[in-house]
Amino acid sequence: MDALIYTMVRAADWRAAEAAGAYTGSADDRRDGFLHFSAAAQLRASAAKHRAGERDLLLVAVDAAACGEALRWEPAAGGSRPGLFPHLYGPLPLSAVRSATPLPLGADGAHVFPPAIP
C-alpha cells in the first residue's frame, strides 16, 4: 500500500490536535469509529465528495507505516467508491505526520492540491 496517506483537516481542529499532541478526528470520524484517510490517487475524489467548497482546510500527509496495526485498508462504506481506503482505528499521533499544508480553493471552487498529488 502507499507509504504516505492523507487526510483533510479543518484548521481549527488541527490547532487543537497540535495542542493535544494527537488528532482524534472530525465528527464524521468519531461517528464512524475511525479516522478517514485517502491514498494520493484518491484525494481529489474524496475532496470533491466530502469537502467540496470547504475553506480553511489543511492537507495532512502521514507516514502509513508509523500508524502501525491501527491502520487498516478497507472498502468505502456501502461500497460507494472502488478501491481500498486507509482507516485509522485510534488517534493519529503527531509523530506520524510528515506535513500539514494549506489546501486552498481555486477560482473554480475546487481544492488546489500540491503538484505531487496526481
N, C-alpha and C. Protein backbone atom coordinates (compact mmCIF):
# COMPACT_ATOMS: atom_id res chain seq x y z
N MET A 1 0.84 -1.18 0.00
CA MET A 1 0.00 0.00 0.00
C MET A 1 0.89 1.25 0.00
N ASP A 2 0.29 2.41 -0.09
CA ASP A 2 1.03 3.67 -0.21
C ASP A 2 1.82 3.98 1.06
N ALA A 3 3.01 4.58 0.88
CA ALA A 3 3.85 4.97 2.01
C ALA A 3 3.26 6.16 2.75
N LEU A 4 2.65 7.09 1.99
CA LEU A 4 2.01 8.25 2.60
C LEU A 4 0.51 8.15 2.38
N ILE A 5 -0.24 8.51 3.41
CA ILE A 5 -1.70 8.62 3.32
C ILE A 5 -2.06 10.04 3.73
N TYR A 6 -3.27 10.47 3.39
CA TYR A 6 -3.65 11.87 3.57
C TYR A 6 -5.03 12.00 4.19
N THR A 7 -5.18 13.09 4.93
CA THR A 7 -6.50 13.47 5.41
C THR A 7 -6.62 14.98 5.29
N MET A 8 -7.84 15.46 5.16
CA MET A 8 -8.12 16.89 5.06
C MET A 8 -8.76 17.32 6.38
N VAL A 9 -8.10 18.24 7.06
CA VAL A 9 -8.49 18.61 8.41
C VAL A 9 -8.80 20.11 8.47
N ARG A 10 -9.88 20.46 9.14
CA ARG A 10 -10.18 21.87 9.36
C ARG A 10 -9.07 22.47 10.21
N ALA A 11 -8.65 23.69 9.85
CA ALA A 11 -7.50 24.32 10.52
C ALA A 11 -7.71 24.42 12.04
N ALA A 12 -8.89 24.76 12.49
CA ALA A 12 -9.15 24.87 13.93
C ALA A 12 -8.98 23.51 14.61
N ASP A 13 -9.43 22.44 13.96
CA ASP A 13 -9.28 21.10 14.52
C ASP A 13 -7.80 20.71 14.58
N TRP A 14 -7.03 21.13 13.58
CA TRP A 14 -5.60 20.80 13.58
C TRP A 14 -4.87 21.54 14.69
N ARG A 15 -5.22 22.80 14.91
CA ARG A 15 -4.60 23.55 16.02
C ARG A 15 -4.89 22.87 17.35
N ALA A 16 -6.11 22.36 17.52
CA ALA A 16 -6.46 21.63 18.75
C ALA A 16 -5.64 20.35 18.86
N ALA A 17 -5.43 19.67 17.74
CA ALA A 17 -4.63 18.43 17.73
C ALA A 17 -3.18 18.73 18.12
N GLU A 18 -2.65 19.81 17.59
CA GLU A 18 -1.27 20.18 17.93
C GLU A 18 -1.14 20.46 19.42
N ALA A 19 -2.12 21.12 20.00
CA ALA A 19 -2.09 21.41 21.43
C ALA A 19 -2.22 20.13 22.26
N ALA A 20 -3.00 19.17 21.77
CA ALA A 20 -3.25 17.92 22.49
C ALA A 20 -2.18 16.86 22.25
N GLY A 21 -1.44 16.99 21.15
CA GLY A 21 -0.41 16.00 20.82
C GLY A 21 -0.89 14.86 19.95
N ALA A 22 -2.17 14.87 19.56
CA ALA A 22 -2.73 13.83 18.68
C ALA A 22 -4.01 14.37 18.07
N TYR A 23 -4.33 13.84 16.89
CA TYR A 23 -5.58 14.20 16.21
C TYR A 23 -6.57 13.06 16.43
N THR A 24 -7.72 13.40 16.98
CA THR A 24 -8.73 12.37 17.28
C THR A 24 -9.86 12.34 16.26
N GLY A 25 -9.79 13.18 15.24
CA GLY A 25 -10.73 13.10 14.13
C GLY A 25 -11.84 14.13 14.15
N SER A 26 -12.54 14.15 13.03
CA SER A 26 -13.70 15.02 12.85
C SER A 26 -14.93 14.37 13.46
N ALA A 27 -16.04 15.07 13.43
CA ALA A 27 -17.30 14.50 13.90
C ALA A 27 -17.64 13.24 13.09
N ASP A 28 -17.38 13.27 11.77
CA ASP A 28 -17.64 12.10 10.93
C ASP A 28 -16.75 10.93 11.35
N ASP A 29 -15.49 11.21 11.63
CA ASP A 29 -14.57 10.15 12.07
C ASP A 29 -15.07 9.52 13.37
N ARG A 30 -15.44 10.36 14.31
CA ARG A 30 -15.90 9.84 15.60
C ARG A 30 -17.19 9.03 15.44
N ARG A 31 -18.07 9.47 14.57
CA ARG A 31 -19.31 8.72 14.29
C ARG A 31 -19.01 7.35 13.71
N ASP A 32 -18.05 7.29 12.80
CA ASP A 32 -17.74 6.04 12.11
C ASP A 32 -16.80 5.13 12.89
N GLY A 33 -16.14 5.66 13.91
CA GLY A 33 -15.26 4.84 14.74
C GLY A 33 -13.83 4.70 14.24
N PHE A 34 -13.46 5.51 13.24
CA PHE A 34 -12.09 5.50 12.72
C PHE A 34 -11.82 6.81 12.00
N LEU A 35 -10.54 7.13 11.82
CA LEU A 35 -10.15 8.32 11.08
C LEU A 35 -10.08 7.96 9.59
N HIS A 36 -10.73 8.78 8.76
CA HIS A 36 -10.75 8.56 7.32
C HIS A 36 -9.50 9.16 6.67
N PHE A 37 -8.84 8.36 5.86
CA PHE A 37 -7.70 8.82 5.09
C PHE A 37 -7.92 8.44 3.63
N SER A 38 -7.06 8.98 2.77
CA SER A 38 -7.06 8.63 1.35
C SER A 38 -5.64 8.42 0.90
N ALA A 39 -5.46 7.56 -0.09
CA ALA A 39 -4.19 7.48 -0.80
C ALA A 39 -4.12 8.70 -1.72
N ALA A 40 -2.95 9.03 -2.22
CA ALA A 40 -2.79 10.20 -3.07
C ALA A 40 -3.74 10.17 -4.26
N ALA A 41 -3.87 9.01 -4.90
CA ALA A 41 -4.72 8.90 -6.09
C ALA A 41 -6.21 9.04 -5.77
N GLN A 42 -6.59 8.94 -4.50
CA GLN A 42 -8.00 9.04 -4.09
C GLN A 42 -8.38 10.43 -3.60
N LEU A 43 -7.39 11.28 -3.39
CA LEU A 43 -7.64 12.57 -2.73
C LEU A 43 -8.61 13.49 -3.44
N ARG A 44 -8.43 13.67 -4.73
CA ARG A 44 -9.29 14.62 -5.45
C ARG A 44 -10.76 14.20 -5.37
N ALA A 45 -11.03 12.92 -5.55
CA ALA A 45 -12.42 12.43 -5.47
C ALA A 45 -12.95 12.57 -4.04
N SER A 46 -12.11 12.30 -3.05
CA SER A 46 -12.54 12.45 -1.65
C SER A 46 -12.87 13.90 -1.33
N ALA A 47 -12.02 14.81 -1.79
CA ALA A 47 -12.26 16.23 -1.55
C ALA A 47 -13.56 16.68 -2.20
N ALA A 48 -13.78 16.25 -3.44
CA ALA A 48 -14.99 16.64 -4.16
C ALA A 48 -16.24 16.09 -3.48
N LYS A 49 -16.15 14.88 -2.95
CA LYS A 49 -17.33 14.25 -2.34
C LYS A 49 -17.59 14.74 -0.91
N HIS A 50 -16.53 14.90 -0.13
CA HIS A 50 -16.71 15.16 1.30
C HIS A 50 -16.35 16.57 1.76
N ARG A 51 -15.59 17.31 0.98
CA ARG A 51 -15.13 18.64 1.41
C ARG A 51 -15.35 19.71 0.35
N ALA A 52 -16.26 19.49 -0.58
CA ALA A 52 -16.49 20.43 -1.68
C ALA A 52 -16.74 21.84 -1.17
N GLY A 53 -15.98 22.79 -1.69
CA GLY A 53 -16.16 24.19 -1.36
C GLY A 53 -15.73 24.59 0.04
N GLU A 54 -15.20 23.66 0.81
CA GLU A 54 -14.84 23.97 2.19
C GLU A 54 -13.50 24.70 2.25
N ARG A 55 -13.53 25.82 2.93
CA ARG A 55 -12.32 26.64 3.10
C ARG A 55 -11.61 26.27 4.39
N ASP A 56 -10.40 26.77 4.52
CA ASP A 56 -9.63 26.67 5.76
C ASP A 56 -9.30 25.22 6.12
N LEU A 57 -8.94 24.45 5.09
CA LEU A 57 -8.52 23.06 5.31
C LEU A 57 -7.01 22.94 5.23
N LEU A 58 -6.49 21.94 5.91
CA LEU A 58 -5.10 21.56 5.78
C LEU A 58 -5.04 20.16 5.19
N LEU A 59 -4.09 19.93 4.32
CA LEU A 59 -3.82 18.59 3.80
C LEU A 59 -2.72 18.01 4.68
N VAL A 60 -3.06 16.96 5.41
CA VAL A 60 -2.13 16.34 6.35
C VAL A 60 -1.61 15.05 5.73
N ALA A 61 -0.28 14.99 5.53
CA ALA A 61 0.38 13.80 4.99
C ALA A 61 0.94 13.00 6.15
N VAL A 62 0.67 11.69 6.13
CA VAL A 62 1.01 10.82 7.25
C VAL A 62 1.81 9.61 6.75
N ASP A 63 2.84 9.26 7.50
CA ASP A 63 3.62 8.05 7.22
C ASP A 63 2.77 6.85 7.62
N ALA A 64 2.30 6.10 6.64
CA ALA A 64 1.39 4.98 6.91
C ALA A 64 2.03 3.96 7.84
N ALA A 65 3.30 3.65 7.66
CA ALA A 65 3.97 2.64 8.49
C ALA A 65 4.01 3.06 9.95
N ALA A 66 4.10 4.36 10.20
CA ALA A 66 4.17 4.87 11.58
C ALA A 66 2.84 4.70 12.33
N CYS A 67 1.79 4.39 11.61
CA CYS A 67 0.47 4.19 12.25
C CYS A 67 0.33 2.78 12.83
N GLY A 68 1.18 1.88 12.41
CA GLY A 68 1.17 0.52 12.95
C GLY A 68 -0.08 -0.25 12.59
N GLU A 69 -0.42 -1.19 13.47
CA GLU A 69 -1.54 -2.10 13.21
C GLU A 69 -2.91 -1.43 13.32
N ALA A 70 -2.95 -0.20 13.84
CA ALA A 70 -4.22 0.52 13.94
C ALA A 70 -4.72 0.96 12.56
N LEU A 71 -3.84 0.93 11.55
CA LEU A 71 -4.21 1.33 10.19
C LEU A 71 -4.66 0.10 9.41
N ARG A 72 -5.86 0.21 8.82
CA ARG A 72 -6.40 -0.88 8.00
C ARG A 72 -6.86 -0.31 6.66
N TRP A 73 -6.64 -1.07 5.61
CA TRP A 73 -7.10 -0.69 4.28
C TRP A 73 -8.40 -1.43 4.02
N GLU A 74 -9.49 -0.66 3.85
CA GLU A 74 -10.83 -1.25 3.77
C GLU A 74 -11.64 -0.59 2.67
N PRO A 75 -12.70 -1.27 2.20
CA PRO A 75 -13.60 -0.65 1.22
C PRO A 75 -14.34 0.53 1.84
N ALA A 76 -14.75 1.47 0.99
CA ALA A 76 -15.58 2.59 1.45
C ALA A 76 -16.91 2.04 1.96
N ALA A 77 -17.52 2.77 2.86
CA ALA A 77 -18.81 2.36 3.42
C ALA A 77 -19.82 2.14 2.30
N GLY A 78 -20.49 1.01 2.34
CA GLY A 78 -21.51 0.70 1.35
C GLY A 78 -20.96 0.45 -0.04
N GLY A 79 -19.62 0.32 -0.15
CA GLY A 79 -19.02 0.10 -1.46
C GLY A 79 -19.24 1.25 -2.42
N SER A 80 -19.39 2.48 -1.87
CA SER A 80 -19.74 3.63 -2.70
C SER A 80 -18.62 4.08 -3.63
N ARG A 81 -17.38 3.68 -3.34
CA ARG A 81 -16.26 4.05 -4.20
C ARG A 81 -15.33 2.84 -4.33
N PRO A 82 -14.76 2.66 -5.52
CA PRO A 82 -13.89 1.49 -5.72
C PRO A 82 -12.56 1.65 -4.98
N GLY A 83 -11.94 0.53 -4.70
CA GLY A 83 -10.63 0.52 -4.07
C GLY A 83 -10.72 0.43 -2.56
N LEU A 84 -9.56 0.29 -1.96
CA LEU A 84 -9.46 0.25 -0.50
C LEU A 84 -8.98 1.59 0.01
N PHE A 85 -9.53 2.00 1.15
CA PHE A 85 -9.18 3.28 1.76
C PHE A 85 -8.52 3.04 3.10
N PRO A 86 -7.53 3.87 3.45
CA PRO A 86 -6.88 3.72 4.75
C PRO A 86 -7.76 4.28 5.86
N HIS A 87 -7.99 3.47 6.88
CA HIS A 87 -8.77 3.86 8.06
C HIS A 87 -7.91 3.64 9.29
N LEU A 88 -7.82 4.64 10.14
CA LEU A 88 -7.01 4.54 11.35
C LEU A 88 -7.93 4.37 12.55
N TYR A 89 -7.79 3.25 13.23
CA TYR A 89 -8.61 2.94 14.40
C TYR A 89 -7.88 3.37 15.67
N GLY A 90 -7.93 4.64 15.92
CA GLY A 90 -7.28 5.23 17.08
C GLY A 90 -6.82 6.63 16.72
N PRO A 91 -6.33 7.37 17.69
CA PRO A 91 -5.87 8.73 17.41
C PRO A 91 -4.62 8.73 16.53
N LEU A 92 -4.46 9.79 15.77
CA LEU A 92 -3.28 9.98 14.93
C LEU A 92 -2.20 10.66 15.76
N PRO A 93 -1.09 9.95 16.03
CA PRO A 93 -0.01 10.60 16.76
C PRO A 93 0.70 11.62 15.86
N LEU A 94 0.99 12.78 16.38
CA LEU A 94 1.62 13.80 15.55
C LEU A 94 2.99 13.37 15.06
N SER A 95 3.61 12.40 15.73
CA SER A 95 4.92 11.89 15.30
C SER A 95 4.83 11.19 13.94
N ALA A 96 3.64 10.76 13.52
CA ALA A 96 3.46 10.10 12.22
C ALA A 96 3.22 11.10 11.09
N VAL A 97 3.00 12.37 11.43
CA VAL A 97 2.68 13.40 10.44
C VAL A 97 3.96 13.90 9.76
N ARG A 98 3.95 13.90 8.44
CA ARG A 98 5.10 14.39 7.68
C ARG A 98 4.92 15.84 7.25
N SER A 99 3.68 16.27 7.05
CA SER A 99 3.43 17.67 6.71
C SER A 99 1.95 17.99 6.91
N ALA A 100 1.69 19.26 7.13
CA ALA A 100 0.32 19.79 7.20
C ALA A 100 0.36 21.12 6.45
N THR A 101 -0.20 21.12 5.24
CA THR A 101 -0.12 22.30 4.38
C THR A 101 -1.51 22.80 4.01
N PRO A 102 -1.65 24.11 3.83
CA PRO A 102 -2.95 24.65 3.44
C PRO A 102 -3.46 24.03 2.15
N LEU A 103 -4.77 23.84 2.09
CA LEU A 103 -5.44 23.28 0.91
C LEU A 103 -6.46 24.32 0.43
N PRO A 104 -5.98 25.29 -0.36
CA PRO A 104 -6.85 26.40 -0.77
C PRO A 104 -7.85 25.98 -1.84
N LEU A 105 -8.83 26.84 -2.02
CA LEU A 105 -9.79 26.68 -3.12
C LEU A 105 -9.32 27.51 -4.31
N GLY A 106 -9.45 26.94 -5.50
CA GLY A 106 -9.12 27.67 -6.71
C GLY A 106 -10.30 28.52 -7.16
N ALA A 107 -10.10 29.27 -8.20
CA ALA A 107 -11.15 30.14 -8.74
C ALA A 107 -12.40 29.36 -9.13
N ASP A 108 -12.22 28.09 -9.49
CA ASP A 108 -13.36 27.25 -9.89
C ASP A 108 -14.07 26.61 -8.70
N GLY A 109 -13.58 26.88 -7.48
CA GLY A 109 -14.20 26.34 -6.28
C GLY A 109 -13.69 24.97 -5.87
N ALA A 110 -12.81 24.38 -6.69
CA ALA A 110 -12.21 23.08 -6.34
C ALA A 110 -10.92 23.31 -5.55
N HIS A 111 -10.56 22.36 -4.73
CA HIS A 111 -9.33 22.48 -3.95
C HIS A 111 -8.11 22.38 -4.87
N VAL A 112 -7.09 23.14 -4.52
CA VAL A 112 -5.84 23.17 -5.28
C VAL A 112 -4.82 22.32 -4.52
N PHE A 113 -4.48 21.16 -5.10
CA PHE A 113 -3.57 20.23 -4.46
C PHE A 113 -2.12 20.51 -4.87
N PRO A 114 -1.19 20.13 -4.03
CA PRO A 114 0.23 20.26 -4.39
C PRO A 114 0.54 19.45 -5.65
N PRO A 115 1.58 19.83 -6.39
CA PRO A 115 1.92 19.13 -7.64
C PRO A 115 2.18 17.63 -7.46
N ALA A 116 2.60 17.20 -6.30
CA ALA A 116 2.91 15.78 -6.08
C ALA A 116 1.66 14.90 -6.03
N ILE A 117 0.49 15.51 -5.90
CA ILE A 117 -0.76 14.75 -5.84
C ILE A 117 -1.30 14.59 -7.25
N PRO A 118 -1.50 13.33 -7.69
CA PRO A 118 -1.99 13.11 -9.07
C PRO A 118 -3.39 13.63 -9.29
